[in-house]
Amino acid sequence: MTQITPQPGIMDIAAYQGGASHVAGVENVVKLSSNENPLGPSEKAKAAFARAGHSLHRYPSTDHTGLRLAIAEVWGLDAARIICGAGSDEIISLLCQAYAGPGREVIHTEHGFGMYRISALAAGAIPVEVKERERVTDVGAILAACTDKTALVFMANPNNPTGTMISAAEVEKLATGLPPQALLVLDGAYAEYVEGYDGGASLVEARENVVMTRTFSKIYGLGGLRVGWGYGPEHVLDVLNRVRGPFNVSEAGLQAAEAAVRDTAWTDHCRKENAAMRVWLSDALAEIGVPSDVSCTNFVLARFASAAEATGCDAHLKSQGLIVRPVASYNLPNCLRITVGDEASCRRIVHAVRQFKNGAHDVSDL
């Protein structure tokens, strides 16, 4: 047997599974499993991406100045406190690499994004799972779980896959109550879907123990380019920039993301379209006996009577060429996460779920 082994924690990782995009034997599927923007990126972002094709032989900027300045201008932030990465996933990983490690603990909630646990284990740290209250982040439970070993606390607001959100006052209470050695990481992947919400940026600026992460993969429609960013105190940015790879974001990604963030009219349009279809989808599902919590994102978490019913409905949707996201791995076996697609996709989803509910009341043999 080989004596070549990875560091402790690596083999405890269950590899992250992204949303499915294919169904065997079914063509022309509708993918509603990865929370992608059905409207796609803005025309300005696509034009910037095309222009970048003329300079693919050149290395990208190492300091991401153009994109950082654009983000700072649009969101009213300090460009010197912005870091860019290959999606917000990389920022999460860098935070664990820099601040977690053997003997240190990383807190996440029971229905939190799977990369928190994976990145903690990859860094050799101990992931600590904290209960939520009816699929909503419980600040008191998080604070009760903190110890002198707590290094990072990850919290998405709004949360994935629940879609729920807590108030700014609750987030501030959490930041204030953390032990002095702990850093609060506010994952704002879905922040742009909430009208007037800064993702926690004002709290970052008011404190020394809060970092915010954001992504271009959701409302901006650039998931295929993998661009994200973070905003934090100067002392955190100094650390992260020491471990970040110098060319971690492609030139095409930088240019497309800069154009995307500046095209605020398209972002506003996407937010409004999503809000309208999200309400329609959640209301239509509720009418046929499939409730969901009020979502602040671009998806709804559909709740079924049992895990068997959720599995059966997922199978029926796949047979109709509709791909959604089972979330048993997020401790939600009786739920399906459904991306808010365009109107035609949402109507197909509701029709198919209605078919299933009308024809599969007894799920004991599913």
Protein backbone atom coordinates (compact mmCIF):
# COMPACT_ATOMS: atom_id res chain seq x y z
CA MET A 1 0.00 0.00 0.00
CA THR A 2 1.28 3.45 -0.85
CA GLN A 3 2.48 5.69 1.94
CA ILE A 4 1.62 8.79 -0.09
CA THR A 5 -1.35 10.32 1.71
CA PRO A 6 -3.09 13.70 1.70
CA GLN A 7 -3.22 15.90 4.76
CA PRO A 8 -5.86 15.16 7.41
CA GLY A 9 -9.34 16.28 6.44
CA ILE A 10 -9.05 15.86 2.67
CA MET A 11 -10.52 12.35 2.57
CA ASP A 12 -13.46 13.54 4.70
CA ILE A 13 -14.57 15.75 1.81
CA ALA A 14 -17.49 14.60 -0.29
CA ALA A 15 -16.76 16.17 -3.68
CA TYR A 16 -19.05 19.09 -4.48
CA GLN A 17 -21.79 18.21 -6.94
CA GLY A 18 -22.99 21.02 -9.17
CA GLY A 19 -26.47 21.21 -10.60
CA ALA A 20 -27.17 18.57 -13.25
CA SER A 21 -27.47 19.71 -16.86
CA HIS A 22 -28.33 16.48 -18.71
CA VAL A 23 -30.97 13.76 -18.51
CA ALA A 24 -30.24 10.43 -20.16
CA GLY A 25 -32.49 9.91 -23.14
CA VAL A 26 -34.02 13.39 -23.01
CA GLU A 27 -33.11 16.17 -25.41
CA ASN A 28 -33.70 19.92 -25.11
CA VAL A 29 -33.78 19.95 -21.32
CA VAL A 30 -34.59 23.04 -19.27
CA LYS A 31 -31.89 23.50 -16.65
CA LEU A 32 -33.19 25.05 -13.43
CA SER A 33 -30.65 23.49 -11.09
CA SER A 34 -27.81 26.02 -10.80
CA ASN A 35 -29.51 29.37 -10.20
CA GLU A 36 -28.34 30.80 -13.50
CA ASN A 37 -29.84 33.99 -14.91
CA PRO A 38 -32.22 32.91 -17.72
CA LEU A 39 -31.77 36.33 -19.36
CA GLY A 40 -28.01 35.85 -19.61
CA PRO A 41 -25.36 38.58 -19.42
CA SER A 42 -25.83 42.09 -20.74
CA GLU A 43 -25.00 42.88 -24.36
CA LYS A 44 -22.23 45.17 -23.11
CA ALA A 45 -20.65 42.28 -21.20
CA LYS A 46 -20.84 40.04 -24.26
CA ALA A 47 -19.22 42.74 -26.40
CA ALA A 48 -16.41 43.15 -23.86
CA PHE A 49 -15.86 39.39 -23.86
CA ALA A 50 -15.61 39.38 -27.67
CA ARG A 51 -13.05 42.21 -27.61
CA ALA A 52 -10.95 40.27 -25.12
CA GLY A 53 -10.49 37.61 -27.77
CA HIS A 54 -8.00 39.86 -29.52
CA SER A 55 -5.57 39.76 -26.60
CA LEU A 56 -5.72 36.17 -25.40
CA HIS A 57 -1.94 35.87 -25.82
CA ARG A 58 -1.44 38.47 -23.07
CA TYR A 59 -1.41 37.75 -19.37
CA PRO A 60 -4.23 39.41 -17.42
CA SER A 61 -3.72 42.20 -14.93
CA THR A 62 -2.36 41.00 -11.61
CA ASP A 63 -4.03 43.75 -9.57
CA HIS A 64 -7.43 43.74 -11.35
CA THR A 65 -7.47 47.54 -11.19
CA GLY A 66 -10.10 48.11 -13.88
CA LEU A 67 -12.62 45.74 -12.35
CA ARG A 68 -11.98 46.86 -8.78
CA LEU A 69 -12.49 50.51 -9.76
CA ALA A 70 -15.72 49.65 -11.57
CA ILE A 71 -17.08 47.73 -8.57
CA ALA A 72 -16.07 50.57 -6.25
CA GLU A 73 -17.76 53.17 -8.46
CA VAL A 74 -21.04 51.28 -8.83
CA TRP A 75 -21.34 50.20 -5.20
CA GLY A 76 -19.72 53.22 -3.52
CA LEU A 77 -16.83 51.24 -2.05
CA ASP A 78 -13.10 51.66 -1.47
CA ALA A 79 -11.30 50.00 -4.40
CA ALA A 80 -8.24 49.34 -2.24
CA ARG A 81 -10.32 46.99 -0.06
CA ILE A 82 -11.63 44.88 -2.97
CA ILE A 83 -10.11 41.56 -4.01
CA CYS A 84 -11.09 39.60 -7.14
CA GLY A 85 -11.10 35.86 -7.58
CA ALA A 86 -12.19 32.91 -9.70
CA GLY A 87 -15.76 33.14 -8.44
CA SER A 88 -16.54 33.86 -4.81
CA ASP A 89 -15.59 30.19 -4.24
CA GLU A 90 -11.93 31.18 -4.52
CA ILE A 91 -12.32 33.98 -1.98
CA ILE A 92 -13.93 31.48 0.41
CA SER A 93 -11.04 29.08 -0.17
CA LEU A 94 -8.42 31.80 0.34
CA LEU A 95 -10.03 32.82 3.63
CA CYS A 96 -9.86 29.23 4.87
CA GLN A 97 -6.30 28.85 3.63
CA ALA A 98 -5.23 32.04 5.38
CA TYR A 99 -7.19 31.91 8.64
CA ALA A 100 -8.29 28.33 9.29
CA GLY A 101 -6.11 25.26 9.76
CA PRO A 102 -5.40 22.39 12.12
CA GLY A 103 -6.99 22.93 15.51
CA ARG A 104 -9.17 25.79 14.30
CA GLU A 105 -12.93 25.70 13.78
CA VAL A 106 -15.04 27.00 10.90
CA ILE A 107 -18.74 27.55 11.62
CA HIS A 108 -21.48 27.20 9.01
CA THR A 109 -25.23 26.60 9.28
CA GLU A 110 -26.94 23.28 8.64
CA HIS A 111 -28.37 24.40 5.30
CA GLY A 112 -25.36 26.52 4.28
CA PHE A 113 -23.44 26.44 0.99
CA GLY A 114 -21.47 23.18 0.66
CA MET A 115 -18.17 24.90 -0.14
CA TYR A 116 -17.85 26.21 3.42
CA ARG A 117 -17.34 22.70 4.78
CA ILE A 118 -15.21 21.61 1.84
CA SER A 119 -12.88 24.62 2.07
CA ALA A 120 -12.55 24.20 5.84
CA LEU A 121 -11.58 20.54 5.53
CA ALA A 122 -9.19 21.32 2.68
CA ALA A 123 -7.39 23.72 5.01
CA GLY A 124 -7.20 21.08 7.75
CA ALA A 125 -9.71 22.89 9.95
CA ILE A 126 -12.73 21.52 11.81
CA PRO A 127 -16.14 22.37 10.29
CA VAL A 128 -18.84 23.05 12.87
CA GLU A 129 -22.45 22.77 11.72
CA VAL A 130 -25.03 24.91 13.52
CA LYS A 131 -28.80 24.41 13.47
CA GLU A 132 -31.08 26.91 11.76
CA ARG A 133 -34.55 27.90 12.94
CA GLU A 134 -37.11 26.73 10.38
CA ARG A 135 -34.62 27.22 7.53
CA VAL A 136 -33.56 30.67 8.77
CA THR A 137 -30.12 31.53 10.17
CA ASP A 138 -30.16 31.49 13.99
CA VAL A 139 -27.70 34.09 15.26
CA GLY A 140 -28.03 32.91 18.84
CA ALA A 141 -27.16 29.35 17.88
CA ILE A 142 -24.09 30.52 15.97
CA LEU A 143 -22.83 32.59 18.89
CA ALA A 144 -23.44 29.67 21.26
CA ALA A 145 -21.29 27.46 19.01
CA CYS A 146 -18.31 29.82 19.07
CA THR A 147 -15.25 28.85 21.09
CA ASP A 148 -11.70 30.07 21.48
CA LYS A 149 -10.91 27.89 18.45
CA THR A 150 -13.39 29.60 16.11
CA ALA A 151 -11.52 31.18 13.20
CA LEU A 152 -14.25 31.81 10.61
CA VAL A 153 -18.03 32.04 10.59
CA PHE A 154 -19.63 31.68 7.15
CA MET A 155 -23.15 33.00 6.64
CA ALA A 156 -24.92 33.56 3.33
CA ASN A 157 -27.50 36.34 3.39
CA PRO A 158 -29.76 35.64 1.51
CA ASN A 159 -29.00 31.98 2.08
CA ASN A 160 -28.56 29.18 -0.44
CA PRO A 161 -30.44 26.82 -0.74
CA THR A 162 -33.20 28.16 1.54
CA GLY A 163 -33.59 31.60 -0.03
CA THR A 164 -34.26 33.12 3.40
CA MET A 165 -32.65 36.23 4.83
CA ILE A 166 -32.06 37.83 8.24
CA SER A 167 -32.09 41.55 9.07
CA ALA A 168 -29.11 43.89 9.14
CA ALA A 169 -29.63 44.24 12.89
CA GLU A 170 -29.29 40.48 13.35
CA VAL A 171 -26.13 40.38 11.22
CA GLU A 172 -24.65 43.22 13.28
CA LYS A 173 -25.55 41.36 16.47
CA LEU A 174 -23.63 38.36 15.15
CA ALA A 175 -20.56 40.40 14.24
CA THR A 176 -20.57 42.13 17.62
CA GLY A 177 -20.92 38.91 19.56
CA LEU A 178 -18.11 36.94 17.92
CA PRO A 179 -14.99 36.09 19.91
CA PRO A 180 -12.10 38.47 19.18
CA GLN A 181 -10.11 36.04 17.01
CA ALA A 182 -13.03 35.17 14.70
CA LEU A 183 -13.83 36.62 11.29
CA LEU A 184 -17.43 36.81 9.97
CA VAL A 185 -17.75 36.08 6.25
CA LEU A 186 -20.96 37.37 4.67
CA ASP A 187 -21.63 35.48 1.46
CA GLY A 188 -23.57 37.85 -0.79
CA ALA A 189 -23.86 35.70 -3.90
CA TYR A 190 -27.55 36.65 -4.17
CA ALA A 191 -27.33 40.17 -2.71
CA GLU A 192 -28.14 41.87 -6.02
CA TYR A 193 -31.58 40.26 -6.05
CA VAL A 194 -32.57 42.30 -2.96
CA GLU A 195 -33.57 45.86 -3.82
CA GLY A 196 -31.42 48.42 -2.01
CA TYR A 197 -29.28 45.84 -0.19
CA ASP A 198 -25.52 46.42 0.04
CA GLY A 199 -24.68 42.81 0.90
CA GLY A 200 -23.18 43.88 4.22
CA ALA A 201 -20.68 46.39 2.80
CA SER A 202 -21.55 49.05 5.39
CA LEU A 203 -20.88 46.57 8.18
CA VAL A 204 -17.53 45.69 6.62
CA GLU A 205 -16.60 49.37 6.68
CA ALA A 206 -17.74 49.82 10.29
CA ARG A 207 -15.84 46.85 11.73
CA GLU A 208 -12.53 45.00 11.53
CA ASN A 209 -13.96 41.47 11.76
CA VAL A 210 -16.30 41.25 8.74
CA VAL A 211 -15.62 40.28 5.12
CA MET A 212 -18.17 40.22 2.29
CA THR A 213 -17.96 37.94 -0.77
CA ARG A 214 -19.83 38.48 -4.04
CA THR A 215 -20.07 36.82 -7.45
CA PHE A 216 -20.69 37.58 -11.12
CA SER A 217 -22.19 34.13 -11.65
CA LYS A 218 -25.78 34.90 -10.65
CA ILE A 219 -27.57 38.11 -11.62
CA TYR A 220 -24.75 39.17 -13.96
CA GLY A 221 -25.01 35.91 -15.91
CA LEU A 222 -21.26 35.22 -16.09
CA GLY A 223 -21.11 31.81 -14.42
CA GLY A 224 -19.09 30.41 -17.30
CA LEU A 225 -16.27 32.92 -16.73
CA ARG A 226 -15.85 32.36 -12.96
CA VAL A 227 -15.41 35.86 -11.57
CA GLY A 228 -16.06 36.89 -7.98
CA TRP A 229 -14.89 39.49 -5.51
CA GLY A 230 -14.56 40.24 -1.84
CA TYR A 231 -14.62 43.36 0.32
CA GLY A 232 -12.93 43.53 3.68
CA PRO A 233 -10.73 45.34 6.17
CA GLU A 234 -7.25 46.34 5.01
CA HIS A 235 -5.61 43.82 7.33
CA VAL A 236 -7.58 40.96 5.72
CA LEU A 237 -6.92 42.15 2.16
CA ASP A 238 -3.20 42.31 2.92
CA VAL A 239 -3.26 38.67 4.01
CA LEU A 240 -5.38 37.39 1.11
CA ASN A 241 -3.29 39.15 -1.52
CA ARG A 242 -0.21 37.36 -0.16
CA VAL A 243 -1.72 33.93 -0.89
CA ARG A 244 -3.73 34.75 -4.00
CA GLY A 245 -2.33 33.59 -7.34
CA PRO A 246 -1.12 36.54 -9.42
CA PHE A 247 -3.21 35.67 -12.51
CA ASN A 248 -6.26 34.14 -10.83
CA VAL A 249 -8.83 35.88 -13.07
CA SER A 250 -8.68 35.72 -16.86
CA GLU A 251 -8.51 38.84 -19.01
CA ALA A 252 -11.80 37.90 -20.67
CA GLY A 253 -13.39 37.50 -17.25
CA LEU A 254 -12.06 40.84 -16.02
CA GLN A 255 -13.29 42.75 -19.06
CA ALA A 256 -16.71 41.10 -19.19
CA ALA A 257 -17.26 41.57 -15.46
CA GLU A 258 -16.28 45.24 -15.62
CA ALA A 259 -18.80 45.85 -18.40
CA ALA A 260 -21.44 43.82 -16.55
CA VAL A 261 -21.19 45.70 -13.26
CA ARG A 262 -21.30 49.06 -15.05
CA ASP A 263 -24.45 48.09 -16.97
CA THR A 264 -26.73 48.86 -14.04
CA ALA A 265 -29.79 49.18 -16.30
CA TRP A 266 -29.49 45.50 -17.27
CA THR A 267 -28.96 44.47 -13.65
CA ASP A 268 -32.09 46.38 -12.62
CA HIS A 269 -34.06 44.75 -15.44
CA CYS A 270 -32.93 41.26 -14.38
CA ARG A 271 -33.83 41.97 -10.75
CA LYS A 272 -37.34 43.11 -11.64
CA GLU A 273 -38.00 40.22 -14.02
CA ASN A 274 -36.78 37.72 -11.44
CA ALA A 275 -38.90 39.23 -8.67
CA ALA A 276 -42.06 39.01 -10.77
CA MET A 277 -41.52 35.41 -11.86
CA ARG A 278 -40.38 34.34 -8.37
CA VAL A 279 -43.66 35.52 -6.85
CA TRP A 280 -45.65 33.86 -9.64
CA LEU A 281 -43.77 30.56 -9.29
CA SER A 282 -43.99 30.36 -5.49
CA ASP A 283 -47.69 31.30 -5.50
CA ALA A 284 -48.52 28.80 -8.25
CA LEU A 285 -46.69 25.98 -6.45
CA ALA A 286 -48.40 26.86 -3.17
CA GLU A 287 -51.79 26.60 -4.85
CA ILE A 288 -51.08 22.96 -5.74
CA GLY A 289 -49.86 22.06 -2.26
CA VAL A 290 -46.12 22.73 -2.55
CA PRO A 291 -45.18 25.53 -0.11
CA SER A 292 -41.93 27.47 0.09
CA ASP A 293 -40.48 30.13 2.37
CA VAL A 294 -40.42 33.72 1.11
CA SER A 295 -37.36 33.79 -1.13
CA CYS A 296 -35.02 36.77 -1.52
CA THR A 297 -33.06 35.12 -4.33
CA ASN A 298 -33.51 33.75 -7.86
CA PHE A 299 -34.82 30.37 -6.70
CA VAL A 300 -37.51 28.88 -4.51
CA LEU A 301 -37.10 25.97 -2.11
CA ALA A 302 -40.13 23.79 -2.79
CA ARG A 303 -41.14 21.67 0.22
CA PHE A 304 -42.84 18.29 -0.14
CA ALA A 305 -44.53 16.07 2.43
CA SER A 306 -41.64 13.60 2.55
CA ALA A 307 -38.28 12.74 1.04
CA ALA A 308 -40.00 10.07 -1.05
CA GLU A 309 -42.41 12.59 -2.53
CA ALA A 310 -39.57 15.00 -3.35
CA THR A 311 -37.60 12.21 -5.02
CA GLY A 312 -40.64 11.09 -6.96
CA CYS A 313 -41.40 14.60 -8.16
CA ASP A 314 -37.77 15.11 -9.19
CA ALA A 315 -37.93 11.93 -11.28
CA HIS A 316 -41.16 13.09 -12.92
CA LEU A 317 -39.67 16.49 -13.73
CA LYS A 318 -36.64 14.84 -15.30
CA SER A 319 -38.90 12.70 -17.46
CA GLN A 320 -40.36 15.96 -18.76
CA GLY A 321 -36.92 17.42 -19.48
CA LEU A 322 -36.97 19.70 -16.43
CA ILE A 323 -33.87 19.66 -14.23
CA VAL A 324 -34.09 21.07 -10.70
CA ARG A 325 -31.82 20.58 -7.68
CA PRO A 326 -32.43 17.91 -5.01
CA VAL A 327 -30.96 19.21 -1.76
CA ALA A 328 -30.77 16.17 0.51
CA SER A 329 -27.03 16.86 0.83
CA TYR A 330 -28.00 20.18 2.46
CA ASN A 331 -30.05 18.36 5.11
CA LEU A 332 -33.26 19.08 3.19
CA PRO A 333 -34.30 15.67 1.82
CA ASN A 334 -37.94 16.67 1.38
CA CYS A 335 -37.14 19.71 -0.74
CA LEU A 336 -36.27 20.63 -4.33
CA ARG A 337 -34.53 23.90 -5.15
CA ILE A 338 -36.00 25.38 -8.32
CA THR A 339 -34.28 28.21 -10.17
CA VAL A 340 -36.59 31.01 -11.30
CA GLY A 341 -36.41 30.66 -15.07
CA ASP A 342 -38.19 32.59 -17.78
CA GLU A 343 -41.98 32.54 -17.95
CA ALA A 344 -42.18 29.52 -20.23
CA SER A 345 -39.90 27.47 -17.96
CA CYS A 346 -41.77 28.42 -14.80
CA ARG A 347 -45.10 27.48 -16.40
CA ARG A 348 -43.69 24.12 -17.47
CA ILE A 349 -42.46 23.46 -13.93
CA VAL A 350 -45.84 24.22 -12.38
CA HIS A 351 -47.65 22.12 -14.97
CA ALA A 352 -45.34 19.14 -14.37
CA VAL A 353 -45.55 19.39 -10.56
CA ARG A 354 -49.34 19.56 -10.85
CA GLN A 355 -49.28 16.42 -13.00
CA PHE A 356 -47.19 14.65 -10.38
CA LYS A 357 -49.35 15.75 -7.47
CA ASN A 358 -52.52 14.68 -9.25
CA GLY A 359 -51.18 11.26 -10.17
CA ALA A 360 -48.89 10.29 -7.28
CA HIS A 361 -50.66 10.84 -3.97
CA ASP A 362 -49.40 7.48 -2.68
CA VAL A 363 -45.59 7.66 -2.75
CA SER A 364 -44.99 4.50 -0.71
CA ASP A 365 -43.88 2.59 -3.80
CA LEU A 366 -41.76 5.36 -5.36
